Amino acid sequence: EDLEFMGPVRLVDVEKAQQAIVAI
């Protein structure tokens, strides 16, 4: 549901979040 209602996001924010998870 969060994904469905999130709307457009910046690519840089997506990559930053992915990098944070990869760091974990």
mmCIF file of all heavy atoms, coordinates in Angstrom:
data_MODEL
# 
_entry.id   MODEL 
# 
loop_
_atom_site.group_PDB 
_atom_site.id 
_atom_site.type_symbol 
_atom_site.label_atom_id 
_atom_site.label_alt_id 
_atom_site.label_comp_id 
_atom_site.label_asym_id 
_atom_site.label_entity_id 
_atom_site.label_seq_id 
_atom_site.pdbx_PDB_ins_code 
_atom_site.Cartn_x 
_atom_site.Cartn_y 
_atom_site.Cartn_z 
_atom_site.occupancy 
_atom_site.B_iso_or_equiv 
_atom_site.pdbx_formal_charge 
_atom_site.auth_seq_id 
_atom_site.auth_comp_id 
_atom_site.auth_asym_id 
_atom_site.auth_atom_id 
_atom_site.pdbx_PDB_model_num 
ATOM 1   N N   . GLU A 1 1  ? 0.834  -1.214 0.000   1.00 0.00 ? 1  GLU A N   1 
ATOM 2   C CA  . GLU A 1 1  ? 0.000  0.000  0.000   1.00 0.00 ? 1  GLU A CA  1 
ATOM 3   C C   . GLU A 1 1  ? 0.863  1.256  0.000   1.00 0.00 ? 1  GLU A C   1 
ATOM 4   O O   . GLU A 1 1  ? 0.548  2.239  -0.678  1.00 0.00 ? 1  GLU A O   1 
ATOM 5   C CB  . GLU A 1 1  ? -0.920 -0.016 1.215   1.00 0.00 ? 1  GLU A CB  1 
ATOM 6   C CG  . GLU A 1 1  ? -2.013 -1.093 1.133   1.00 0.00 ? 1  GLU A CG  1 
ATOM 7   C CD  . GLU A 1 1  ? -2.825 -1.189 2.416   1.00 0.00 ? 1  GLU A CD  1 
ATOM 8   O OE1 . GLU A 1 1  ? -2.512 -0.439 3.373   1.00 0.00 ? 1  GLU A OE1 1 
ATOM 9   O OE2 . GLU A 1 1  ? -3.745 -2.011 2.463   1.00 0.00 ? 1  GLU A OE2 1 
ATOM 10  N N   . ASP A 1 2  ? 1.974  1.192  0.756   1.00 0.00 ? 2  ASP A N   1 
ATOM 11  C CA  . ASP A 1 2  ? 2.901  2.333  0.763   1.00 0.00 ? 2  ASP A CA  1 
ATOM 12  C C   . ASP A 1 2  ? 3.446  2.584  -0.632  1.00 0.00 ? 2  ASP A C   1 
ATOM 13  O O   . ASP A 1 2  ? 3.557  3.744  -1.080  1.00 0.00 ? 2  ASP A O   1 
ATOM 14  C CB  . ASP A 1 2  ? 4.065  2.066  1.722   1.00 0.00 ? 2  ASP A CB  1 
ATOM 15  C CG  . ASP A 1 2  ? 3.651  2.129  3.174   1.00 0.00 ? 2  ASP A CG  1 
ATOM 16  O OD1 . ASP A 1 2  ? 2.574  2.687  3.460   1.00 0.00 ? 2  ASP A OD1 1 
ATOM 17  O OD2 . ASP A 1 2  ? 4.416  1.621  4.021   1.00 0.00 ? 2  ASP A OD2 1 
ATOM 18  N N   . LEU A 1 3  ? 3.811  1.511  -1.329  1.00 0.00 ? 3  LEU A N   1 
ATOM 19  C CA  . LEU A 1 3  ? 4.333  1.639  -2.690  1.00 0.00 ? 3  LEU A CA  1 
ATOM 20  C C   . LEU A 1 3  ? 3.279  2.188  -3.642  1.00 0.00 ? 3  LEU A C   1 
ATOM 21  O O   . LEU A 1 3  ? 3.576  3.021  -4.511  1.00 0.00 ? 3  LEU A O   1 
ATOM 22  C CB  . LEU A 1 3  ? 4.827  0.266  -3.194  1.00 0.00 ? 3  LEU A CB  1 
ATOM 23  C CG  . LEU A 1 3  ? 6.131  -0.261 -2.584  1.00 0.00 ? 3  LEU A CG  1 
ATOM 24  C CD1 . LEU A 1 3  ? 6.374  -1.703 -2.984  1.00 0.00 ? 3  LEU A CD1 1 
ATOM 25  C CD2 . LEU A 1 3  ? 7.299  0.606  -3.039  1.00 0.00 ? 3  LEU A CD2 1 
ATOM 26  N N   . GLU A 1 4  ? 2.055  1.738  -3.470  1.00 0.00 ? 4  GLU A N   1 
ATOM 27  C CA  . GLU A 1 4  ? 0.975  2.140  -4.362  1.00 0.00 ? 4  GLU A CA  1 
ATOM 28  C C   . GLU A 1 4  ? 0.664  3.634  -4.244  1.00 0.00 ? 4  GLU A C   1 
ATOM 29  O O   . GLU A 1 4  ? 0.394  4.317  -5.242  1.00 0.00 ? 4  GLU A O   1 
ATOM 30  C CB  . GLU A 1 4  ? -0.287 1.320  -4.060  1.00 0.00 ? 4  GLU A CB  1 
ATOM 31  C CG  . GLU A 1 4  ? -1.436 1.610  -5.004  1.00 0.00 ? 4  GLU A CG  1 
ATOM 32  C CD  . GLU A 1 4  ? -2.653 0.742  -4.676  1.00 0.00 ? 4  GLU A CD  1 
ATOM 33  O OE1 . GLU A 1 4  ? -2.503 -0.180 -3.843  1.00 0.00 ? 4  GLU A OE1 1 
ATOM 34  O OE2 . GLU A 1 4  ? -3.724 1.001  -5.238  1.00 0.00 ? 4  GLU A OE2 1 
ATOM 35  N N   . PHE A 1 5  ? 0.715  4.144  -3.030  1.00 0.00 ? 5  PHE A N   1 
ATOM 36  C CA  . PHE A 1 5  ? 0.339  5.540  -2.799  1.00 0.00 ? 5  PHE A CA  1 
ATOM 37  C C   . PHE A 1 5  ? 1.543  6.478  -2.715  1.00 0.00 ? 5  PHE A C   1 
ATOM 38  O O   . PHE A 1 5  ? 1.386  7.666  -2.444  1.00 0.00 ? 5  PHE A O   1 
ATOM 39  C CB  . PHE A 1 5  ? -0.485 5.662  -1.505  1.00 0.00 ? 5  PHE A CB  1 
ATOM 40  C CG  . PHE A 1 5  ? -1.814 4.972  -1.579  1.00 0.00 ? 5  PHE A CG  1 
ATOM 41  C CD1 . PHE A 1 5  ? -2.049 3.787  -0.902  1.00 0.00 ? 5  PHE A CD1 1 
ATOM 42  C CD2 . PHE A 1 5  ? -2.843 5.513  -2.351  1.00 0.00 ? 5  PHE A CD2 1 
ATOM 43  C CE1 . PHE A 1 5  ? -3.273 3.148  -0.975  1.00 0.00 ? 5  PHE A CE1 1 
ATOM 44  C CE2 . PHE A 1 5  ? -4.075 4.881  -2.432  1.00 0.00 ? 5  PHE A CE2 1 
ATOM 45  C CZ  . PHE A 1 5  ? -4.300 3.694  -1.754  1.00 0.00 ? 5  PHE A CZ  1 
ATOM 46  N N   . MET A 1 6  ? 2.746  5.961  -2.952  1.00 0.00 ? 6  MET A N   1 
ATOM 47  C CA  . MET A 1 6  ? 3.956  6.769  -2.814  1.00 0.00 ? 6  MET A CA  1 
ATOM 48  C C   . MET A 1 6  ? 4.054  7.851  -3.891  1.00 0.00 ? 6  MET A C   1 
ATOM 49  O O   . MET A 1 6  ? 4.485  8.962  -3.632  1.00 0.00 ? 6  MET A O   1 
ATOM 50  C CB  . MET A 1 6  ? 5.202  5.871  -2.862  1.00 0.00 ? 6  MET A CB  1 
ATOM 51  C CG  . MET A 1 6  ? 6.498  6.630  -2.614  1.00 0.00 ? 6  MET A CG  1 
ATOM 52  S SD  . MET A 1 6  ? 7.931  5.527  -2.619  1.00 0.00 ? 6  MET A SD  1 
ATOM 53  C CE  . MET A 1 6  ? 7.630  4.587  -1.121  1.00 0.00 ? 6  MET A CE  1 
ATOM 54  N N   . GLY A 1 7  ? 3.654  7.511  -5.110  1.00 0.00 ? 7  GLY A N   1 
ATOM 55  C CA  . GLY A 1 7  ? 3.763  8.483  -6.196  1.00 0.00 ? 7  GLY A CA  1 
ATOM 56  C C   . GLY A 1 7  ? 5.186  8.549  -6.725  1.00 0.00 ? 7  GLY A C   1 
ATOM 57  O O   . GLY A 1 7  ? 6.059  7.784  -6.333  1.00 0.00 ? 7  GLY A O   1 
ATOM 58  N N   . PRO A 1 8  ? 5.451  9.493  -7.636  1.00 0.00 ? 8  PRO A N   1 
ATOM 59  C CA  . PRO A 1 8  ? 6.788  9.617  -8.232  1.00 0.00 ? 8  PRO A CA  1 
ATOM 60  C C   . PRO A 1 8  ? 7.843  9.966  -7.176  1.00 0.00 ? 8  PRO A C   1 
ATOM 61  O O   . PRO A 1 8  ? 7.580  10.746 -6.253  1.00 0.00 ? 8  PRO A O   1 
ATOM 62  C CB  . PRO A 1 8  ? 6.629  10.762 -9.240  1.00 0.00 ? 8  PRO A CB  1 
ATOM 63  C CG  . PRO A 1 8  ? 5.155  10.883 -9.465  1.00 0.00 ? 8  PRO A CG  1 
ATOM 64  C CD  . PRO A 1 8  ? 4.506  10.481 -8.188  1.00 0.00 ? 8  PRO A CD  1 
ATOM 65  N N   . VAL A 1 9  ? 9.017  9.387  -7.320  1.00 0.00 ? 9  VAL A N   1 
ATOM 66  C CA  . VAL A 1 9  ? 10.132 9.684  -6.416  1.00 0.00 ? 9  VAL A CA  1 
ATOM 67  C C   . VAL A 1 9  ? 11.381 9.925  -7.245  1.00 0.00 ? 9  VAL A C   1 
ATOM 68  O O   . VAL A 1 9  ? 11.500 9.464  -8.379  1.00 0.00 ? 9  VAL A O   1 
ATOM 69  C CB  . VAL A 1 9  ? 10.385 8.531  -5.412  1.00 0.00 ? 9  VAL A CB  1 
ATOM 70  C CG1 . VAL A 1 9  ? 9.223  8.380  -4.463  1.00 0.00 ? 9  VAL A CG1 1 
ATOM 71  C CG2 . VAL A 1 9  ? 10.673 7.234  -6.135  1.00 0.00 ? 9  VAL A CG2 1 
ATOM 72  N N   . ARG A 1 10 ? 12.341 10.623 -6.668  1.00 0.00 ? 10 ARG A N   1 
ATOM 73  C CA  . ARG A 1 10 ? 13.582 10.903 -7.384  1.00 0.00 ? 10 ARG A CA  1 
ATOM 74  C C   . ARG A 1 10 ? 14.466 9.664  -7.414  1.00 0.00 ? 10 ARG A C   1 
ATOM 75  O O   . ARG A 1 10 ? 14.555 8.919  -6.424  1.00 0.00 ? 10 ARG A O   1 
ATOM 76  C CB  . ARG A 1 10 ? 14.344 12.048 -6.705  1.00 0.00 ? 10 ARG A CB  1 
ATOM 77  C CG  . ARG A 1 10 ? 13.613 13.391 -6.732  1.00 0.00 ? 10 ARG A CG  1 
ATOM 78  C CD  . ARG A 1 10 ? 14.515 14.490 -6.218  1.00 0.00 ? 10 ARG A CD  1 
ATOM 79  N NE  . ARG A 1 10 ? 15.024 14.186 -4.873  1.00 0.00 ? 10 ARG A NE  1 
ATOM 80  C CZ  . ARG A 1 10 ? 15.999 14.871 -4.281  1.00 0.00 ? 10 ARG A CZ  1 
ATOM 81  N NH1 . ARG A 1 10 ? 16.559 15.885 -4.914  1.00 0.00 ? 10 ARG A NH1 1 
ATOM 82  N NH2 . ARG A 1 10 ? 16.385 14.558 -3.058  1.00 0.00 ? 10 ARG A NH2 1 
ATOM 83  N N   . LEU A 1 11 ? 15.121 9.449  -8.542  1.00 0.00 ? 11 LEU A N   1 
ATOM 84  C CA  . LEU A 1 11 ? 16.014 8.308  -8.690  1.00 0.00 ? 11 LEU A CA  1 
ATOM 85  C C   . LEU A 1 11 ? 17.115 8.330  -7.648  1.00 0.00 ? 11 LEU A C   1 
ATOM 86  O O   . LEU A 1 11 ? 17.479 7.293  -7.084  1.00 0.00 ? 11 LEU A O   1 
ATOM 87  C CB  . LEU A 1 11 ? 16.630 8.294  -10.094 1.00 0.00 ? 11 LEU A CB  1 
ATOM 88  C CG  . LEU A 1 11 ? 17.645 7.167  -10.378 1.00 0.00 ? 11 LEU A CG  1 
ATOM 89  C CD1 . LEU A 1 11 ? 16.998 5.807  -10.222 1.00 0.00 ? 11 LEU A CD1 1 
ATOM 90  C CD2 . LEU A 1 11 ? 18.246 7.333  -11.770 1.00 0.00 ? 11 LEU A CD2 1 
ATOM 91  N N   . VAL A 1 12 ? 17.629 9.515  -7.361  1.00 0.00 ? 12 VAL A N   1 
ATOM 92  C CA  . VAL A 1 12 ? 18.717 9.628  -6.391  1.00 0.00 ? 12 VAL A CA  1 
ATOM 93  C C   . VAL A 1 12 ? 18.273 9.160  -5.004  1.00 0.00 ? 12 VAL A C   1 
ATOM 94  O O   . VAL A 1 12 ? 19.053 8.560  -4.248  1.00 0.00 ? 12 VAL A O   1 
ATOM 95  C CB  . VAL A 1 12 ? 19.246 11.086 -6.324  1.00 0.00 ? 12 VAL A CB  1 
ATOM 96  C CG1 . VAL A 1 12 ? 18.191 12.037 -5.796  1.00 0.00 ? 12 VAL A CG1 1 
ATOM 97  C CG2 . VAL A 1 12 ? 20.501 11.166 -5.473  1.00 0.00 ? 12 VAL A CG2 1 
ATOM 98  N N   . ASP A 1 13 ? 16.989 9.391  -4.655  1.00 0.00 ? 13 ASP A N   1 
ATOM 99  C CA  . ASP A 1 13 ? 16.480 8.942  -3.355  1.00 0.00 ? 13 ASP A CA  1 
ATOM 100 C C   . ASP A 1 13 ? 16.324 7.423  -3.315  1.00 0.00 ? 13 ASP A C   1 
ATOM 101 O O   . ASP A 1 13 ? 16.580 6.790  -2.285  1.00 0.00 ? 13 ASP A O   1 
ATOM 102 C CB  . ASP A 1 13 ? 15.138 9.615  -3.061  1.00 0.00 ? 13 ASP A CB  1 
ATOM 103 C CG  . ASP A 1 13 ? 15.268 11.099 -2.834  1.00 0.00 ? 13 ASP A CG  1 
ATOM 104 O OD1 . ASP A 1 13 ? 16.345 11.531 -2.374  1.00 0.00 ? 13 ASP A OD1 1 
ATOM 105 O OD2 . ASP A 1 13 ? 14.297 11.832 -3.111  1.00 0.00 ? 13 ASP A OD2 1 
ATOM 106 N N   . VAL A 1 14 ? 15.906 6.852  -4.445  1.00 0.00 ? 14 VAL A N   1 
ATOM 107 C CA  . VAL A 1 14 ? 15.786 5.389  -4.533  1.00 0.00 ? 14 VAL A CA  1 
ATOM 108 C C   . VAL A 1 14 ? 17.158 4.747  -4.374  1.00 0.00 ? 14 VAL A C   1 
ATOM 109 O O   . VAL A 1 14 ? 17.337 3.781  -3.616  1.00 0.00 ? 14 VAL A O   1 
ATOM 110 C CB  . VAL A 1 14 ? 15.154 4.966  -5.876  1.00 0.00 ? 14 VAL A CB  1 
ATOM 111 C CG1 . VAL A 1 14 ? 15.218 3.449  -6.046  1.00 0.00 ? 14 VAL A CG1 1 
ATOM 112 C CG2 . VAL A 1 14 ? 13.708 5.444  -5.948  1.00 0.00 ? 14 VAL A CG2 1 
ATOM 113 N N   . GLU A 1 15 ? 18.143 5.283  -5.095  1.00 0.00 ? 15 GLU A N   1 
ATOM 114 C CA  . GLU A 1 15 ? 19.495 4.721  -5.027  1.00 0.00 ? 15 GLU A CA  1 
ATOM 115 C C   . GLU A 1 15 ? 20.088 4.868  -3.637  1.00 0.00 ? 15 GLU A C   1 
ATOM 116 O O   . GLU A 1 15 ? 20.776 3.960  -3.142  1.00 0.00 ? 15 GLU A O   1 
ATOM 117 C CB  . GLU A 1 15 ? 20.389 5.401  -6.055  1.00 0.00 ? 15 GLU A CB  1 
ATOM 118 C CG  . GLU A 1 15 ? 20.043 5.049  -7.494  1.00 0.00 ? 15 GLU A CG  1 
ATOM 119 C CD  . GLU A 1 15 ? 20.994 5.678  -8.490  1.00 0.00 ? 15 GLU A CD  1 
ATOM 120 O OE1 . GLU A 1 15 ? 21.796 6.549  -8.079  1.00 0.00 ? 15 GLU A OE1 1 
ATOM 121 O OE2 . GLU A 1 15 ? 20.938 5.293  -9.662  1.00 0.00 ? 15 GLU A OE2 1 
ATOM 122 N N   . LYS A 1 16 ? 19.821 5.993  -2.991  1.00 0.00 ? 16 LYS A N   1 
ATOM 123 C CA  . LYS A 1 16 ? 20.322 6.204  -1.631  1.00 0.00 ? 16 LYS A CA  1 
ATOM 124 C C   . LYS A 1 16 ? 19.734 5.173  -0.667  1.00 0.00 ? 16 LYS A C   1 
ATOM 125 O O   . LYS A 1 16 ? 20.448 4.619  0.183   1.00 0.00 ? 16 LYS A O   1 
ATOM 126 C CB  . LYS A 1 16 ? 19.983 7.620  -1.170  1.00 0.00 ? 16 LYS A CB  1 
ATOM 127 C CG  . LYS A 1 16 ? 20.563 7.978  0.188   1.00 0.00 ? 16 LYS A CG  1 
ATOM 128 C CD  . LYS A 1 16 ? 20.233 9.414  0.567   1.00 0.00 ? 16 LYS A CD  1 
ATOM 129 C CE  . LYS A 1 16 ? 20.796 9.759  1.937   1.00 0.00 ? 16 LYS A CE  1 
ATOM 130 N NZ  . LYS A 1 16 ? 20.452 11.181 2.312   1.00 0.00 ? 16 LYS A NZ  1 
ATOM 131 N N   . ALA A 1 17 ? 18.446 4.902  -0.804  1.00 0.00 ? 17 ALA A N   1 
ATOM 132 C CA  . ALA A 1 17 ? 17.785 3.906  0.062   1.00 0.00 ? 17 ALA A CA  1 
ATOM 133 C C   . ALA A 1 17 ? 18.330 2.513  -0.210  1.00 0.00 ? 17 ALA A C   1 
ATOM 134 O O   . ALA A 1 17 ? 18.568 1.727  0.721   1.00 0.00 ? 17 ALA A O   1 
ATOM 135 C CB  . ALA A 1 17 ? 16.274 3.944  -0.171  1.00 0.00 ? 17 ALA A CB  1 
ATOM 136 N N   . GLN A 1 18 ? 18.535 2.188  -1.489  1.00 0.00 ? 18 GLN A N   1 
ATOM 137 C CA  . GLN A 1 18 ? 19.085 0.875  -1.841  1.00 0.00 ? 18 GLN A CA  1 
ATOM 138 C C   . GLN A 1 18 ? 20.495 0.715  -1.292  1.00 0.00 ? 18 GLN A C   1 
ATOM 139 O O   . GLN A 1 18 ? 20.859 -0.355 -0.785  1.00 0.00 ? 18 GLN A O   1 
ATOM 140 C CB  . GLN A 1 18 ? 19.069 0.686  -3.353  1.00 0.00 ? 18 GLN A CB  1 
ATOM 141 C CG  . GLN A 1 18 ? 17.665 0.534  -3.926  1.00 0.00 ? 18 GLN A CG  1 
ATOM 142 C CD  . GLN A 1 18 ? 17.659 0.314  -5.425  1.00 0.00 ? 18 GLN A CD  1 
ATOM 143 O OE1 . GLN A 1 18 ? 18.688 0.471  -6.089  1.00 0.00 ? 18 GLN A OE1 1 
ATOM 144 N NE2 . GLN A 1 18 ? 16.500 -0.035 -5.973  1.00 0.00 ? 18 GLN A NE2 1 
ATOM 145 N N   . GLN A 1 19 ? 21.310 1.769  -1.384  1.00 0.00 ? 19 GLN A N   1 
ATOM 146 C CA  . GLN A 1 19 ? 22.668 1.715  -0.857  1.00 0.00 ? 19 GLN A CA  1 
ATOM 147 C C   . GLN A 1 19 ? 22.677 1.538  0.650   1.00 0.00 ? 19 GLN A C   1 
ATOM 148 O O   . GLN A 1 19 ? 23.542 0.848  1.195   1.00 0.00 ? 19 GLN A O   1 
ATOM 149 C CB  . GLN A 1 19 ? 23.436 2.979  -1.262  1.00 0.00 ? 19 GLN A CB  1 
ATOM 150 C CG  . GLN A 1 19 ? 23.795 3.026  -2.738  1.00 0.00 ? 19 GLN A CG  1 
ATOM 151 C CD  . GLN A 1 19 ? 24.362 4.361  -3.172  1.00 0.00 ? 19 GLN A CD  1 
ATOM 152 O OE1 . GLN A 1 19 ? 24.351 5.337  -2.409  1.00 0.00 ? 19 GLN A OE1 1 
ATOM 153 N NE2 . GLN A 1 19 ? 24.853 4.427  -4.396  1.00 0.00 ? 19 GLN A NE2 1 
ATOM 154 N N   . ALA A 1 20 ? 21.711 2.156  1.337   1.00 0.00 ? 20 ALA A N   1 
ATOM 155 C CA  . ALA A 1 20 ? 21.626 2.012  2.795   1.00 0.00 ? 20 ALA A CA  1 
ATOM 156 C C   . ALA A 1 20 ? 21.342 0.556  3.169   1.00 0.00 ? 20 ALA A C   1 
ATOM 157 O O   . ALA A 1 20 ? 21.911 0.022  4.133   1.00 0.00 ? 20 ALA A O   1 
ATOM 158 C CB  . ALA A 1 20 ? 20.532 2.926  3.344   1.00 0.00 ? 20 ALA A CB  1 
ATOM 159 N N   . ILE A 1 21 ? 20.468 -0.097 2.402   1.00 0.00 ? 21 ILE A N   1 
ATOM 160 C CA  . ILE A 1 21 ? 20.139 -1.503 2.675   1.00 0.00 ? 21 ILE A CA  1 
ATOM 161 C C   . ILE A 1 21 ? 21.319 -2.401 2.343   1.00 0.00 ? 21 ILE A C   1 
ATOM 162 O O   . ILE A 1 21 ? 21.631 -3.346 3.080   1.00 0.00 ? 21 ILE A O   1 
ATOM 163 C CB  . ILE A 1 21 ? 18.880 -1.918 1.880   1.00 0.00 ? 21 ILE A CB  1 
ATOM 164 C CG1 . ILE A 1 21 ? 17.668 -1.136 2.396   1.00 0.00 ? 21 ILE A CG1 1 
ATOM 165 C CG2 . ILE A 1 21 ? 18.628 -3.422 2.001   1.00 0.00 ? 21 ILE A CG2 1 
ATOM 166 C CD1 . ILE A 1 21 ? 16.404 -1.331 1.589   1.00 0.00 ? 21 ILE A CD1 1 
ATOM 167 N N   . VAL A 1 22 ? 21.999 -2.108 1.230   1.00 0.00 ? 22 VAL A N   1 
ATOM 168 C CA  . VAL A 1 22 ? 23.184 -2.891 0.863   1.00 0.00 ? 22 VAL A CA  1 
ATOM 169 C C   . VAL A 1 22 ? 24.255 -2.757 1.942   1.00 0.00 ? 22 VAL A C   1 
ATOM 170 O O   . VAL A 1 22 ? 24.946 -3.730 2.266   1.00 0.00 ? 22 VAL A O   1 
ATOM 171 C CB  . VAL A 1 22 ? 23.726 -2.437 -0.510  1.00 0.00 ? 22 VAL A CB  1 
ATOM 172 C CG1 . VAL A 1 22 ? 25.108 -3.039 -0.768  1.00 0.00 ? 22 VAL A CG1 1 
ATOM 173 C CG2 . VAL A 1 22 ? 22.780 -2.863 -1.618  1.00 0.00 ? 22 VAL A CG2 1 
ATOM 174 N N   . ALA A 1 23 ? 24.399 -1.562 2.525   1.00 0.00 ? 23 ALA A N   1 
ATOM 175 C CA  . ALA A 1 23 ? 25.375 -1.355 3.602   1.00 0.00 ? 23 ALA A CA  1 
ATOM 176 C C   . ALA A 1 23 ? 25.048 -2.246 4.800   1.00 0.00 ? 23 ALA A C   1 
ATOM 177 O O   . ALA A 1 23 ? 25.955 -2.809 5.433   1.00 0.00 ? 23 ALA A O   1 
ATOM 178 C CB  . ALA A 1 23 ? 25.391 0.115  4.022   1.00 0.00 ? 23 ALA A CB  1 
ATOM 179 N N   . ILE A 1 24 ? 23.756 -2.385 5.104   1.00 0.00 ? 24 ILE A N   1 
ATOM 180 C CA  . ILE A 1 24 ? 23.336 -3.263 6.203   1.00 0.00 ? 24 ILE A CA  1 
ATOM 181 C C   . ILE A 1 24 ? 23.676 -4.715 5.873   1.00 0.00 ? 24 ILE A C   1 
ATOM 182 O O   . ILE A 1 24 ? 24.181 -5.463 6.721   1.00 0.00 ? 24 ILE A O   1 
ATOM 183 C CB  . ILE A 1 24 ? 21.823 -3.118 6.462   1.00 0.00 ? 24 ILE A CB  1 
ATOM 184 C CG1 . ILE A 1 24 ? 21.520 -1.738 7.051   1.00 0.00 ? 24 ILE A CG1 1 
ATOM 185 C CG2 . ILE A 1 24 ? 21.307 -4.221 7.391   1.00 0.00 ? 24 ILE A CG2 1 
ATOM 186 C CD1 . ILE A 1 24 ? 20.044 -1.418 7.157   1.00 0.00 ? 24 ILE A CD1 1 
# 
